[in-house]
């Protein structure tokens, strides 16, 4: 079974959705036959550094919300994340454009470390207060999961793999995806949002059962005359 996930590192629900899917897979009978592929998505490609501004202030200004409204929204998201076993420190989050971080995930995919890269990037952004647009931060994350340092430096000092990021975004647009996380099971079953663990369990089981070949063993005769 293949699961394609469109996600943005700056999206807390993508982090929550990742954890919910992992929890659903824990007791899934065919988890060893599941292949997960991450795809890039940018909620705001125009994001620029906002030195001296907290994430609350930045979102409040960008969305036109009051500070109280924005803080309330963040508290709700943090509470949902806690239920999934995640501790978000959004008070420390550094506003950053995620494009280069997505390029890192595409390099990681070449070394079968894409999921590890996604996890470390989420941790860096939502828990450690690191600037994931900073190339030194990305290089540290890349080397921590075993990516070659020389190749990391080359990727980050050029625009390599930028086309792969844009291709993912274009694919999402063609499918009509306007929000993340967005999950596609076996190229035909779509699930939108950070669904509860039980919902992912149901989808996994349903897709797995529907994709299995149907038995035709009942009621037949063989060419040797046995019935």
N, C-alpha and C. Protein backbone atom coordinates (compact mmCIF):
# COMPACT_ATOMS: atom_id res chain seq x y z
N UNK A 1 0.85 -1.19 0.00
CA UNK A 1 0.00 0.00 0.00
C UNK A 1 0.88 1.24 0.00
N UNK A 2 0.50 2.18 -0.82
CA UNK A 2 1.25 3.43 -0.90
C UNK A 2 0.41 4.58 -0.32
N UNK A 3 1.06 5.40 0.50
CA UNK A 3 0.39 6.58 1.04
C UNK A 3 1.19 7.81 0.66
N UNK A 4 0.58 8.70 -0.12
CA UNK A 4 1.20 9.97 -0.49
C UNK A 4 0.64 11.05 0.42
N UNK A 5 1.55 11.86 0.98
CA UNK A 5 1.12 12.91 1.92
C UNK A 5 1.62 14.26 1.45
N UNK A 6 0.69 15.18 1.22
CA UNK A 6 1.07 16.58 0.95
C UNK A 6 1.06 17.32 2.27
N UNK A 7 2.13 18.05 2.54
CA UNK A 7 2.32 18.63 3.87
C UNK A 7 3.21 19.85 3.79
N UNK A 8 3.05 20.76 4.76
CA UNK A 8 3.97 21.88 4.92
C UNK A 8 4.52 21.84 6.33
N UNK A 9 5.81 22.07 6.48
CA UNK A 9 6.45 21.99 7.79
C UNK A 9 5.89 23.03 8.75
N UNK A 10 5.41 24.14 8.23
CA UNK A 10 4.87 25.20 9.08
C UNK A 10 3.41 24.96 9.47
N UNK A 11 2.90 23.78 9.18
CA UNK A 11 1.50 23.44 9.47
C UNK A 11 1.42 22.52 10.68
N UNK A 12 0.90 22.98 11.82
CA UNK A 12 0.84 22.13 13.01
C UNK A 12 -0.04 20.90 12.81
N UNK A 13 -1.10 21.04 12.01
CA UNK A 13 -1.98 19.90 11.78
C UNK A 13 -1.29 18.82 10.93
N UNK A 14 -0.28 19.21 10.15
CA UNK A 14 0.49 18.22 9.40
C UNK A 14 1.31 17.37 10.36
N UNK A 15 1.84 17.99 11.39
CA UNK A 15 2.60 17.28 12.42
C UNK A 15 1.67 16.34 13.19
N UNK A 16 0.51 16.86 13.56
CA UNK A 16 -0.48 16.05 14.27
C UNK A 16 -0.96 14.90 13.39
N UNK A 17 -1.22 15.19 12.12
CA UNK A 17 -1.68 14.15 11.20
C UNK A 17 -0.63 13.07 11.02
N UNK A 18 0.63 13.47 10.97
CA UNK A 18 1.73 12.49 10.87
C UNK A 18 1.70 11.54 12.04
N UNK A 19 1.55 12.09 13.25
CA UNK A 19 1.56 11.26 14.44
C UNK A 19 0.32 10.35 14.50
N UNK A 20 -0.83 10.88 14.11
CA UNK A 20 -2.05 10.06 14.11
C UNK A 20 -1.91 8.88 13.14
N UNK A 21 -1.36 9.13 11.97
CA UNK A 21 -1.17 8.05 11.00
C UNK A 21 -0.21 7.00 11.55
N UNK A 22 0.88 7.47 12.17
CA UNK A 22 1.85 6.53 12.75
C UNK A 22 1.21 5.67 13.83
N UNK A 23 0.36 6.29 14.64
CA UNK A 23 -0.31 5.54 15.71
C UNK A 23 -1.29 4.52 15.14
N UNK A 24 -1.93 4.89 14.03
CA UNK A 24 -2.84 3.95 13.37
C UNK A 24 -2.08 2.78 12.75
N UNK A 25 -0.89 3.06 12.26
CA UNK A 25 -0.08 2.02 11.63
C UNK A 25 0.54 1.06 12.64
N UNK A 26 0.65 1.49 13.90
CA UNK A 26 1.33 0.67 14.92
C UNK A 26 0.77 -0.74 14.99
N UNK A 27 -0.56 -0.87 14.96
CA UNK A 27 -1.18 -2.19 15.09
C UNK A 27 -1.80 -2.67 13.79
N UNK A 28 -1.42 -2.05 12.68
CA UNK A 28 -1.96 -2.45 11.38
C UNK A 28 -1.25 -3.71 10.91
N UNK A 29 -2.02 -4.71 10.53
CA UNK A 29 -1.46 -6.02 10.22
C UNK A 29 -0.46 -5.99 9.06
N UNK A 30 -0.64 -5.06 8.14
CA UNK A 30 0.24 -5.03 6.96
C UNK A 30 1.15 -3.81 6.95
N UNK A 31 1.51 -3.31 8.13
CA UNK A 31 2.29 -2.07 8.18
C UNK A 31 3.63 -2.20 7.48
N UNK A 32 4.18 -3.41 7.42
CA UNK A 32 5.47 -3.61 6.75
C UNK A 32 5.35 -3.48 5.24
N UNK A 33 4.12 -3.47 4.74
CA UNK A 33 3.90 -3.35 3.30
C UNK A 33 3.40 -1.96 2.91
N UNK A 34 3.51 -1.03 3.85
CA UNK A 34 3.05 0.34 3.60
C UNK A 34 4.25 1.22 3.26
N UNK A 35 4.15 1.93 2.15
CA UNK A 35 5.20 2.87 1.73
C UNK A 35 4.63 4.28 1.82
N UNK A 36 5.30 5.14 2.57
CA UNK A 36 4.86 6.53 2.74
C UNK A 36 5.77 7.45 1.95
N UNK A 37 5.17 8.30 1.13
CA UNK A 37 5.94 9.29 0.38
C UNK A 37 5.39 10.68 0.68
N UNK A 38 6.30 11.57 1.08
CA UNK A 38 5.91 12.94 1.41
C UNK A 38 6.04 13.83 0.19
N UNK A 39 5.10 14.78 0.08
CA UNK A 39 5.11 15.74 -1.02
C UNK A 39 5.06 17.16 -0.46
N UNK A 40 5.72 18.05 -1.13
CA UNK A 40 5.82 19.44 -0.66
C UNK A 40 4.55 20.24 -0.94
N UNK A 41 4.27 21.15 -0.02
CA UNK A 41 3.16 22.09 -0.15
C UNK A 41 3.55 23.32 0.65
N UNK A 42 3.24 24.49 0.14
CA UNK A 42 3.52 25.72 0.90
C UNK A 42 2.23 26.48 1.15
N UNK A 43 1.89 26.64 2.41
CA UNK A 43 0.69 27.39 2.76
C UNK A 43 0.85 28.86 2.41
N UNK A 44 2.07 29.38 2.53
CA UNK A 44 2.34 30.77 2.17
C UNK A 44 3.74 30.89 1.59
N UNK A 45 3.87 30.78 0.26
CA UNK A 45 5.19 30.86 -0.38
C UNK A 45 5.85 32.23 -0.21
N UNK A 46 5.09 33.25 0.19
CA UNK A 46 5.63 34.61 0.30
C UNK A 46 6.19 34.90 1.69
N UNK A 47 6.15 33.93 2.59
CA UNK A 47 6.61 34.15 3.96
C UNK A 47 8.05 34.65 4.00
N UNK A 48 8.25 35.69 4.80
CA UNK A 48 9.59 36.26 4.98
C UNK A 48 9.91 36.32 6.48
N UNK A 49 11.18 36.40 6.82
CA UNK A 49 11.56 36.51 8.24
C UNK A 49 10.87 37.70 8.89
N UNK A 50 10.53 37.53 10.16
CA UNK A 50 9.88 38.62 10.91
C UNK A 50 10.62 38.81 12.23
N UNK A 51 11.84 39.32 12.17
CA UNK A 51 12.64 39.48 13.39
C UNK A 51 11.95 40.39 14.40
N UNK A 52 11.98 39.95 15.66
CA UNK A 52 11.37 40.75 16.72
C UNK A 52 9.90 40.51 16.90
N UNK A 53 9.28 39.70 16.00
CA UNK A 53 7.86 39.42 16.10
C UNK A 53 7.64 37.97 16.50
N UNK A 54 6.73 37.76 17.42
CA UNK A 54 6.37 36.40 17.78
C UNK A 54 5.45 35.83 16.70
N UNK A 55 5.27 34.52 16.70
CA UNK A 55 4.37 33.90 15.74
C UNK A 55 2.95 34.41 15.92
N UNK A 56 2.56 34.65 17.17
CA UNK A 56 1.22 35.19 17.45
C UNK A 56 1.05 36.55 16.79
N UNK A 57 2.03 37.40 16.94
CA UNK A 57 1.96 38.74 16.35
C UNK A 57 1.97 38.67 14.83
N UNK A 58 2.80 37.79 14.30
CA UNK A 58 2.91 37.65 12.85
C UNK A 58 1.59 37.14 12.24
N UNK A 59 1.01 36.10 12.84
CA UNK A 59 -0.25 35.56 12.34
C UNK A 59 -1.39 36.56 12.51
N UNK A 60 -1.39 37.25 13.63
CA UNK A 60 -2.42 38.25 13.89
C UNK A 60 -2.42 39.32 12.80
N UNK A 61 -1.23 39.80 12.46
CA UNK A 61 -1.11 40.83 11.43
C UNK A 61 -1.46 40.29 10.05
N UNK A 62 -1.02 39.06 9.75
CA UNK A 62 -1.24 38.48 8.43
C UNK A 62 -2.70 38.14 8.18
N UNK A 63 -3.37 37.61 9.21
CA UNK A 63 -4.74 37.14 9.06
C UNK A 63 -5.78 38.20 9.41
N UNK A 64 -5.34 39.27 10.07
CA UNK A 64 -6.29 40.28 10.49
C UNK A 64 -7.07 39.88 11.73
N UNK A 65 -6.51 38.95 12.50
CA UNK A 65 -7.14 38.53 13.74
C UNK A 65 -6.63 39.37 14.90
N UNK A 66 -7.39 39.39 15.99
CA UNK A 66 -6.91 40.05 17.20
C UNK A 66 -5.86 39.15 17.85
N UNK A 67 -5.03 39.75 18.70
CA UNK A 67 -4.02 38.95 19.41
C UNK A 67 -4.68 37.89 20.29
N UNK A 68 -5.79 38.27 20.93
CA UNK A 68 -6.49 37.32 21.79
C UNK A 68 -7.05 36.15 20.98
N UNK A 69 -7.61 36.47 19.83
CA UNK A 69 -8.16 35.42 18.96
C UNK A 69 -7.05 34.48 18.48
N UNK A 70 -5.92 35.06 18.11
CA UNK A 70 -4.80 34.26 17.63
C UNK A 70 -4.24 33.37 18.74
N UNK A 71 -4.10 33.93 19.93
CA UNK A 71 -3.59 33.15 21.06
C UNK A 71 -4.55 32.01 21.40
N UNK A 72 -5.84 32.27 21.32
CA UNK A 72 -6.83 31.24 21.59
C UNK A 72 -6.75 30.11 20.59
N UNK A 73 -6.56 30.46 19.32
CA UNK A 73 -6.43 29.45 18.28
C UNK A 73 -5.20 28.58 18.52
N UNK A 74 -4.08 29.22 18.89
CA UNK A 74 -2.85 28.48 19.14
C UNK A 74 -2.99 27.54 20.34
N UNK A 75 -3.71 27.99 21.36
CA UNK A 75 -3.93 27.14 22.54
C UNK A 75 -4.73 25.91 22.17
N UNK A 76 -5.71 26.07 21.29
CA UNK A 76 -6.51 24.93 20.84
C UNK A 76 -5.66 23.94 20.06
N UNK A 77 -4.82 24.46 19.17
CA UNK A 77 -3.95 23.59 18.38
C UNK A 77 -2.96 22.86 19.29
N UNK A 78 -2.39 23.58 20.24
CA UNK A 78 -1.43 22.99 21.17
C UNK A 78 -2.08 21.87 21.98
N UNK A 79 -3.35 22.08 22.37
CA UNK A 79 -4.07 21.06 23.14
C UNK A 79 -4.31 19.82 22.29
N UNK A 80 -4.66 20.01 21.02
CA UNK A 80 -4.87 18.86 20.13
C UNK A 80 -3.57 18.11 19.91
N UNK A 81 -2.48 18.85 19.79
CA UNK A 81 -1.18 18.21 19.61
C UNK A 81 -0.81 17.38 20.84
N UNK A 82 -1.12 17.91 22.02
CA UNK A 82 -0.80 17.20 23.26
C UNK A 82 -1.52 15.87 23.32
N UNK A 83 -2.76 15.83 22.83
CA UNK A 83 -3.53 14.59 22.79
C UNK A 83 -2.84 13.55 21.91
N UNK A 84 -2.08 14.03 20.91
CA UNK A 84 -1.37 13.13 20.00
C UNK A 84 0.02 12.79 20.53
N UNK A 85 0.37 13.32 21.71
CA UNK A 85 1.67 13.03 22.29
C UNK A 85 2.75 14.02 21.90
N UNK A 86 2.35 15.17 21.36
CA UNK A 86 3.31 16.18 20.91
C UNK A 86 3.28 17.39 21.84
N UNK A 87 4.43 17.97 22.06
CA UNK A 87 4.52 19.19 22.86
C UNK A 87 4.97 20.34 21.96
N UNK A 88 4.02 21.15 21.53
CA UNK A 88 4.35 22.28 20.66
C UNK A 88 4.72 23.49 21.50
N UNK A 89 5.79 24.14 21.14
CA UNK A 89 6.20 25.39 21.80
C UNK A 89 6.08 26.52 20.78
N UNK A 90 4.85 26.85 20.44
CA UNK A 90 4.62 27.85 19.40
C UNK A 90 5.00 29.25 19.84
N UNK A 91 5.22 29.42 21.15
CA UNK A 91 5.70 30.70 21.64
C UNK A 91 7.16 30.93 21.23
N UNK A 92 7.85 29.83 20.84
CA UNK A 92 9.25 29.93 20.45
C UNK A 92 9.43 29.84 18.93
N UNK A 93 8.35 29.53 18.21
CA UNK A 93 8.46 29.28 16.78
C UNK A 93 8.98 30.51 16.02
N UNK A 94 9.93 30.27 15.13
CA UNK A 94 10.52 31.32 14.31
C UNK A 94 9.87 31.29 12.92
N UNK A 95 9.25 32.39 12.53
CA UNK A 95 8.62 32.47 11.22
C UNK A 95 9.66 32.25 10.13
N UNK A 96 9.36 31.33 9.20
CA UNK A 96 10.34 31.00 8.17
C UNK A 96 9.65 30.52 6.90
N UNK A 97 10.26 30.83 5.76
CA UNK A 97 9.81 30.27 4.49
C UNK A 97 10.29 28.81 4.43
N UNK A 98 9.41 27.90 4.05
CA UNK A 98 9.72 26.47 4.14
C UNK A 98 10.29 25.87 2.86
N UNK A 99 10.52 26.69 1.84
CA UNK A 99 10.92 26.15 0.53
C UNK A 99 12.21 25.33 0.61
N UNK A 100 13.25 25.87 1.24
CA UNK A 100 14.53 25.15 1.31
C UNK A 100 14.41 23.90 2.17
N UNK A 101 13.57 23.96 3.20
CA UNK A 101 13.36 22.77 4.02
C UNK A 101 12.73 21.66 3.19
N UNK A 102 11.82 22.03 2.30
CA UNK A 102 11.23 21.04 1.41
C UNK A 102 12.27 20.46 0.46
N UNK A 103 13.21 21.28 0.02
CA UNK A 103 14.28 20.76 -0.84
C UNK A 103 15.09 19.71 -0.08
N UNK A 104 15.30 19.95 1.21
CA UNK A 104 16.00 18.98 2.04
C UNK A 104 15.26 17.65 2.07
N UNK A 105 13.93 17.68 2.17
CA UNK A 105 13.17 16.43 2.24
C UNK A 105 13.28 15.64 0.94
N UNK A 106 13.43 16.34 -0.18
CA UNK A 106 13.58 15.64 -1.46
C UNK A 106 14.96 14.98 -1.55
N UNK A 107 15.97 15.63 -1.00
CA UNK A 107 17.28 14.98 -0.94
C UNK A 107 17.21 13.77 -0.02
N UNK A 108 16.56 13.93 1.11
CA UNK A 108 16.43 12.82 2.06
C UNK A 108 15.72 11.62 1.43
N UNK A 109 14.76 11.89 0.56
CA UNK A 109 14.04 10.80 -0.11
C UNK A 109 14.98 9.93 -0.94
N UNK A 110 16.01 10.55 -1.50
CA UNK A 110 16.98 9.80 -2.31
C UNK A 110 17.78 8.81 -1.45
N UNK A 111 17.80 9.03 -0.15
CA UNK A 111 18.54 8.16 0.77
C UNK A 111 17.60 7.40 1.72
N UNK A 112 16.31 7.32 1.32
CA UNK A 112 15.30 6.63 2.13
C UNK A 112 15.21 7.18 3.55
N UNK A 113 15.39 8.48 3.69
CA UNK A 113 15.34 9.13 5.00
C UNK A 113 14.32 10.28 5.02
N UNK A 114 13.35 10.22 4.11
CA UNK A 114 12.42 11.34 4.00
C UNK A 114 11.56 11.49 5.26
N UNK A 115 11.05 10.38 5.78
CA UNK A 115 10.21 10.47 6.96
C UNK A 115 10.99 11.02 8.15
N UNK A 116 12.25 10.60 8.27
CA UNK A 116 13.10 11.11 9.36
C UNK A 116 13.33 12.60 9.21
N UNK A 117 13.51 13.05 7.96
CA UNK A 117 13.71 14.47 7.71
C UNK A 117 12.47 15.28 8.09
N UNK A 118 11.30 14.77 7.72
CA UNK A 118 10.05 15.45 8.08
C UNK A 118 9.93 15.57 9.59
N UNK A 119 10.23 14.49 10.30
CA UNK A 119 10.11 14.48 11.75
C UNK A 119 11.05 15.51 12.38
N UNK A 120 12.30 15.52 11.95
CA UNK A 120 13.28 16.46 12.53
C UNK A 120 12.91 17.90 12.21
N UNK A 121 12.37 18.14 11.03
CA UNK A 121 11.98 19.50 10.66
C UNK A 121 10.80 19.98 11.49
N UNK A 122 9.81 19.12 11.69
CA UNK A 122 8.68 19.47 12.56
C UNK A 122 9.17 19.78 13.98
N UNK A 123 10.06 18.95 14.49
CA UNK A 123 10.59 19.18 15.83
C UNK A 123 11.33 20.51 15.91
N UNK A 124 12.15 20.77 14.90
CA UNK A 124 12.92 22.01 14.88
C UNK A 124 12.01 23.23 14.89
N UNK A 125 10.97 23.17 14.09
CA UNK A 125 10.07 24.33 13.93
C UNK A 125 9.13 24.52 15.12
N UNK A 126 8.48 23.43 15.53
CA UNK A 126 7.43 23.56 16.54
C UNK A 126 7.87 23.33 17.97
N UNK A 127 9.02 22.68 18.17
CA UNK A 127 9.43 22.35 19.53
C UNK A 127 10.71 23.05 19.97
N UNK A 128 11.65 23.23 19.03
CA UNK A 128 12.96 23.75 19.43
C UNK A 128 13.15 25.23 19.11
N UNK A 129 12.22 25.83 18.39
CA UNK A 129 12.33 27.25 18.07
C UNK A 129 13.48 27.56 17.14
N UNK A 130 13.80 26.64 16.22
CA UNK A 130 14.90 26.86 15.28
C UNK A 130 14.38 27.47 13.98
N UNK A 131 15.25 28.20 13.30
CA UNK A 131 14.90 28.83 12.03
C UNK A 131 15.15 27.84 10.91
N UNK A 132 14.09 27.22 10.39
CA UNK A 132 14.26 26.18 9.38
C UNK A 132 14.51 26.75 7.98
N UNK A 133 14.66 28.06 7.88
CA UNK A 133 15.11 28.66 6.63
C UNK A 133 16.63 28.89 6.67
N UNK A 134 17.21 28.72 7.84
CA UNK A 134 18.65 28.90 8.02
C UNK A 134 19.38 27.66 7.50
N UNK A 135 20.28 27.86 6.56
CA UNK A 135 20.95 26.72 5.92
C UNK A 135 21.82 25.93 6.90
N UNK A 136 22.35 26.59 7.90
CA UNK A 136 23.15 25.85 8.89
C UNK A 136 22.27 24.92 9.70
N UNK A 137 21.06 25.35 9.99
CA UNK A 137 20.09 24.51 10.71
C UNK A 137 19.72 23.32 9.85
N UNK A 138 19.44 23.57 8.57
CA UNK A 138 19.07 22.49 7.65
C UNK A 138 20.23 21.51 7.47
N UNK A 139 21.43 22.03 7.41
CA UNK A 139 22.60 21.16 7.27
C UNK A 139 22.75 20.25 8.50
N UNK A 140 22.53 20.82 9.68
CA UNK A 140 22.61 20.03 10.91
C UNK A 140 21.55 18.93 10.91
N UNK A 141 20.34 19.28 10.48
CA UNK A 141 19.26 18.28 10.43
C UNK A 141 19.60 17.19 9.43
N UNK A 142 20.12 17.59 8.27
CA UNK A 142 20.47 16.62 7.25
C UNK A 142 21.55 15.65 7.69
N UNK A 143 22.60 16.17 8.30
CA UNK A 143 23.69 15.29 8.75
C UNK A 143 23.25 14.40 9.90
N UNK A 144 22.30 14.88 10.71
CA UNK A 144 21.84 14.09 11.86
C UNK A 144 21.09 12.84 11.42
N UNK A 145 20.58 12.83 10.18
CA UNK A 145 19.87 11.64 9.68
C UNK A 145 20.71 10.89 8.65
N UNK A 146 21.99 11.28 8.55
CA UNK A 146 22.90 10.51 7.72
C UNK A 146 23.09 10.98 6.30
N UNK A 147 22.62 12.17 5.96
CA UNK A 147 22.82 12.67 4.59
C UNK A 147 24.25 13.18 4.44
N UNK A 148 24.85 12.97 3.27
CA UNK A 148 26.24 13.41 3.06
C UNK A 148 26.37 14.93 3.17
N UNK A 149 27.30 15.37 4.00
CA UNK A 149 27.45 16.80 4.25
C UNK A 149 27.81 17.57 2.97
N UNK A 150 28.68 17.00 2.15
CA UNK A 150 29.08 17.68 0.92
C UNK A 150 27.90 17.89 -0.01
N UNK A 151 27.04 16.89 -0.09
CA UNK A 151 25.86 17.01 -0.95
C UNK A 151 24.86 18.01 -0.37
N UNK A 152 24.74 18.02 0.94
CA UNK A 152 23.87 19.00 1.59
C UNK A 152 24.32 20.42 1.28
N UNK A 153 25.63 20.65 1.41
CA UNK A 153 26.17 21.99 1.14
C UNK A 153 25.91 22.39 -0.31
N UNK A 154 26.06 21.44 -1.22
CA UNK A 154 25.84 21.74 -2.63
C UNK A 154 24.38 22.08 -2.90
N UNK A 155 23.48 21.28 -2.33
CA UNK A 155 22.05 21.53 -2.54
C UNK A 155 21.65 22.89 -1.99
N UNK A 156 22.11 23.19 -0.77
CA UNK A 156 21.68 24.42 -0.11
C UNK A 156 22.33 25.67 -0.68
N UNK A 157 23.45 25.51 -1.36
CA UNK A 157 24.12 26.68 -1.96
C UNK A 157 23.66 26.94 -3.38
N UNK A 158 22.76 26.08 -3.89
CA UNK A 158 22.22 26.24 -5.24
C UNK A 158 20.69 26.18 -5.15
N UNK A 159 20.06 26.04 -6.29
CA UNK A 159 18.60 25.89 -6.31
C UNK A 159 18.19 24.46 -6.67
N UNK A 160 19.14 23.54 -6.55
CA UNK A 160 18.84 22.15 -6.89
C UNK A 160 17.67 21.62 -6.06
N UNK A 161 16.88 20.79 -6.72
CA UNK A 161 15.68 20.16 -6.16
C UNK A 161 14.53 21.14 -5.95
N UNK A 162 14.73 22.39 -6.34
CA UNK A 162 13.62 23.34 -6.29
C UNK A 162 12.51 22.94 -7.24
N UNK A 163 12.87 22.39 -8.39
CA UNK A 163 11.87 21.95 -9.37
C UNK A 163 11.01 20.82 -8.80
N UNK A 164 11.62 19.96 -7.98
CA UNK A 164 10.87 18.85 -7.38
C UNK A 164 9.82 19.39 -6.41
N UNK A 165 10.18 20.43 -5.67
CA UNK A 165 9.23 21.06 -4.75
C UNK A 165 8.06 21.67 -5.53
N UNK A 166 8.39 22.40 -6.58
CA UNK A 166 7.36 23.05 -7.39
C UNK A 166 6.47 22.04 -8.09
N UNK A 167 7.05 20.91 -8.49
CA UNK A 167 6.26 19.86 -9.14
C UNK A 167 5.23 19.28 -8.17
N UNK A 168 5.62 19.08 -6.93
CA UNK A 168 4.68 18.61 -5.91
C UNK A 168 3.54 19.60 -5.72
N UNK A 169 3.89 20.87 -5.65
CA UNK A 169 2.87 21.91 -5.45
C UNK A 169 1.92 21.98 -6.63
N UNK A 170 2.47 21.85 -7.84
CA UNK A 170 1.63 21.85 -9.05
C UNK A 170 0.70 20.65 -9.05
N UNK A 171 1.21 19.49 -8.66
CA UNK A 171 0.39 18.29 -8.61
C UNK A 171 -0.78 18.49 -7.66
N UNK A 172 -0.51 19.11 -6.51
CA UNK A 172 -1.57 19.38 -5.54
C UNK A 172 -2.62 20.31 -6.13
N UNK A 173 -2.17 21.33 -6.83
CA UNK A 173 -3.10 22.27 -7.46
C UNK A 173 -3.98 21.56 -8.48
N UNK A 174 -3.39 20.68 -9.25
CA UNK A 174 -4.14 19.95 -10.28
C UNK A 174 -5.19 19.03 -9.67
N UNK A 175 -4.93 18.55 -8.45
CA UNK A 175 -5.90 17.70 -7.75
C UNK A 175 -6.93 18.51 -6.99
N UNK A 176 -6.75 19.84 -6.96
CA UNK A 176 -7.67 20.69 -6.23
C UNK A 176 -7.40 20.77 -4.75
N UNK A 177 -6.20 20.42 -4.34
CA UNK A 177 -5.83 20.47 -2.92
C UNK A 177 -5.55 21.92 -2.53
N UNK A 178 -6.27 22.43 -1.55
CA UNK A 178 -6.03 23.80 -1.09
C UNK A 178 -5.74 23.88 0.41
N UNK A 179 -5.49 22.72 1.00
CA UNK A 179 -5.15 22.68 2.42
C UNK A 179 -4.44 21.38 2.75
N UNK A 180 -3.66 21.42 3.79
CA UNK A 180 -2.90 20.23 4.21
C UNK A 180 -3.05 20.01 5.72
N UNK A 181 -2.85 18.75 6.17
CA UNK A 181 -2.33 17.61 5.42
C UNK A 181 -3.37 17.00 4.50
N UNK A 182 -2.88 16.36 3.45
CA UNK A 182 -3.75 15.70 2.48
C UNK A 182 -3.12 14.35 2.15
N UNK A 183 -3.87 13.29 2.41
CA UNK A 183 -3.37 11.92 2.26
C UNK A 183 -4.07 11.23 1.09
N UNK A 184 -3.29 10.53 0.28
CA UNK A 184 -3.87 9.75 -0.82
C UNK A 184 -3.37 8.31 -0.68
N UNK A 185 -4.32 7.39 -0.55
CA UNK A 185 -4.00 5.97 -0.39
C UNK A 185 -4.14 5.26 -1.73
N UNK A 186 -3.06 4.63 -2.16
CA UNK A 186 -3.05 3.86 -3.40
C UNK A 186 -3.58 4.65 -4.61
N UNK A 187 -3.27 5.92 -4.64
CA UNK A 187 -3.58 6.78 -5.78
C UNK A 187 -5.08 7.00 -6.03
N UNK A 188 -5.93 6.59 -5.08
CA UNK A 188 -7.37 6.78 -5.36
C UNK A 188 -8.24 7.07 -4.14
N UNK A 189 -7.74 6.86 -2.93
CA UNK A 189 -8.53 7.13 -1.75
C UNK A 189 -7.95 8.34 -1.03
N UNK A 190 -8.67 9.44 -1.01
CA UNK A 190 -8.15 10.68 -0.44
C UNK A 190 -8.73 10.94 0.95
N UNK A 191 -7.87 11.42 1.85
CA UNK A 191 -8.27 11.81 3.20
C UNK A 191 -7.67 13.17 3.47
N UNK A 192 -8.51 14.11 3.88
CA UNK A 192 -8.05 15.47 4.12
C UNK A 192 -8.06 15.79 5.61
N UNK A 193 -6.98 16.42 6.06
CA UNK A 193 -6.92 16.88 7.44
C UNK A 193 -6.31 15.88 8.40
N UNK A 194 -6.04 16.35 9.63
CA UNK A 194 -5.45 15.51 10.68
C UNK A 194 -6.56 14.70 11.32
N UNK A 195 -6.99 13.66 10.63
CA UNK A 195 -8.09 12.83 11.10
C UNK A 195 -7.70 12.08 12.38
N UNK A 196 -8.69 11.69 13.19
CA UNK A 196 -8.39 10.92 14.40
C UNK A 196 -7.74 9.58 14.04
N UNK A 197 -7.06 8.99 15.01
CA UNK A 197 -6.40 7.71 14.80
C UNK A 197 -7.39 6.65 14.33
N UNK A 198 -8.57 6.64 14.92
CA UNK A 198 -9.57 5.63 14.54
C UNK A 198 -9.97 5.75 13.08
N UNK A 199 -10.04 6.98 12.57
CA UNK A 199 -10.39 7.18 11.17
C UNK A 199 -9.30 6.64 10.25
N UNK A 200 -8.04 6.88 10.61
CA UNK A 200 -6.95 6.34 9.81
C UNK A 200 -6.95 4.80 9.86
N UNK A 201 -7.26 4.24 11.00
CA UNK A 201 -7.31 2.78 11.11
C UNK A 201 -8.37 2.21 10.17
N UNK A 202 -9.52 2.86 10.12
CA UNK A 202 -10.60 2.39 9.26
C UNK A 202 -10.21 2.48 7.79
N UNK A 203 -9.58 3.58 7.41
CA UNK A 203 -9.17 3.74 6.02
C UNK A 203 -8.11 2.70 5.65
N UNK A 204 -7.12 2.52 6.51
CA UNK A 204 -6.07 1.54 6.24
C UNK A 204 -6.67 0.15 6.03
N UNK A 205 -7.57 -0.25 6.91
CA UNK A 205 -8.16 -1.58 6.81
C UNK A 205 -9.01 -1.71 5.56
N UNK A 206 -9.80 -0.67 5.26
CA UNK A 206 -10.67 -0.71 4.10
C UNK A 206 -9.87 -0.79 2.81
N UNK A 207 -8.86 0.05 2.70
CA UNK A 207 -8.03 0.05 1.48
C UNK A 207 -7.32 -1.28 1.33
N UNK A 208 -6.77 -1.79 2.42
CA UNK A 208 -6.04 -3.06 2.37
C UNK A 208 -6.95 -4.20 1.92
N UNK A 209 -8.16 -4.26 2.48
CA UNK A 209 -9.08 -5.34 2.12
C UNK A 209 -9.56 -5.22 0.68
N UNK A 210 -9.82 -4.00 0.23
CA UNK A 210 -10.29 -3.81 -1.14
C UNK A 210 -9.22 -4.12 -2.18
N UNK A 211 -7.96 -3.97 -1.80
CA UNK A 211 -6.87 -4.18 -2.74
C UNK A 211 -6.42 -5.64 -2.81
N UNK A 212 -6.94 -6.49 -1.91
CA UNK A 212 -6.54 -7.88 -1.93
C UNK A 212 -7.29 -8.65 -3.02
N UNK A 213 -6.60 -9.59 -3.71
CA UNK A 213 -7.27 -10.38 -4.75
C UNK A 213 -8.36 -11.23 -4.13
N UNK A 214 -9.48 -11.32 -4.81
CA UNK A 214 -10.60 -12.09 -4.32
C UNK A 214 -10.38 -13.58 -4.58
N UNK A 215 -10.67 -14.38 -3.58
CA UNK A 215 -10.49 -15.82 -3.73
C UNK A 215 -11.58 -16.41 -4.62
N UNK A 216 -11.20 -17.34 -5.47
CA UNK A 216 -12.17 -18.05 -6.33
C UNK A 216 -12.12 -19.55 -6.04
N UNK A 217 -11.68 -19.87 -4.83
CA UNK A 217 -11.48 -21.29 -4.50
C UNK A 217 -12.77 -22.06 -4.29
N UNK A 218 -13.87 -21.40 -3.96
CA UNK A 218 -15.09 -22.10 -3.62
C UNK A 218 -15.81 -22.61 -4.84
N UNK A 219 -16.14 -23.91 -4.85
CA UNK A 219 -16.97 -24.49 -5.89
C UNK A 219 -16.34 -24.55 -7.25
N UNK A 220 -15.32 -25.33 -7.43
CA UNK A 220 -14.74 -25.49 -8.77
C UNK A 220 -14.21 -26.90 -8.94
N UNK A 221 -14.05 -27.29 -10.18
CA UNK A 221 -13.47 -28.59 -10.50
C UNK A 221 -12.16 -28.37 -11.24
N UNK A 222 -11.17 -29.21 -10.96
CA UNK A 222 -9.87 -29.10 -11.61
C UNK A 222 -9.79 -29.99 -12.83
N UNK A 223 -8.78 -29.81 -13.64
CA UNK A 223 -8.66 -30.56 -14.88
C UNK A 223 -8.35 -32.05 -14.66
N UNK A 224 -7.98 -32.37 -13.41
CA UNK A 224 -7.74 -33.79 -13.13
C UNK A 224 -8.98 -34.51 -12.63
N UNK A 225 -10.08 -33.84 -12.67
CA UNK A 225 -11.36 -34.47 -12.32
C UNK A 225 -11.75 -34.32 -10.88
N UNK A 226 -10.94 -33.64 -10.08
CA UNK A 226 -11.30 -33.44 -8.67
C UNK A 226 -12.24 -32.25 -8.52
N UNK A 227 -13.31 -32.46 -7.75
CA UNK A 227 -14.27 -31.38 -7.52
C UNK A 227 -14.46 -31.17 -6.02
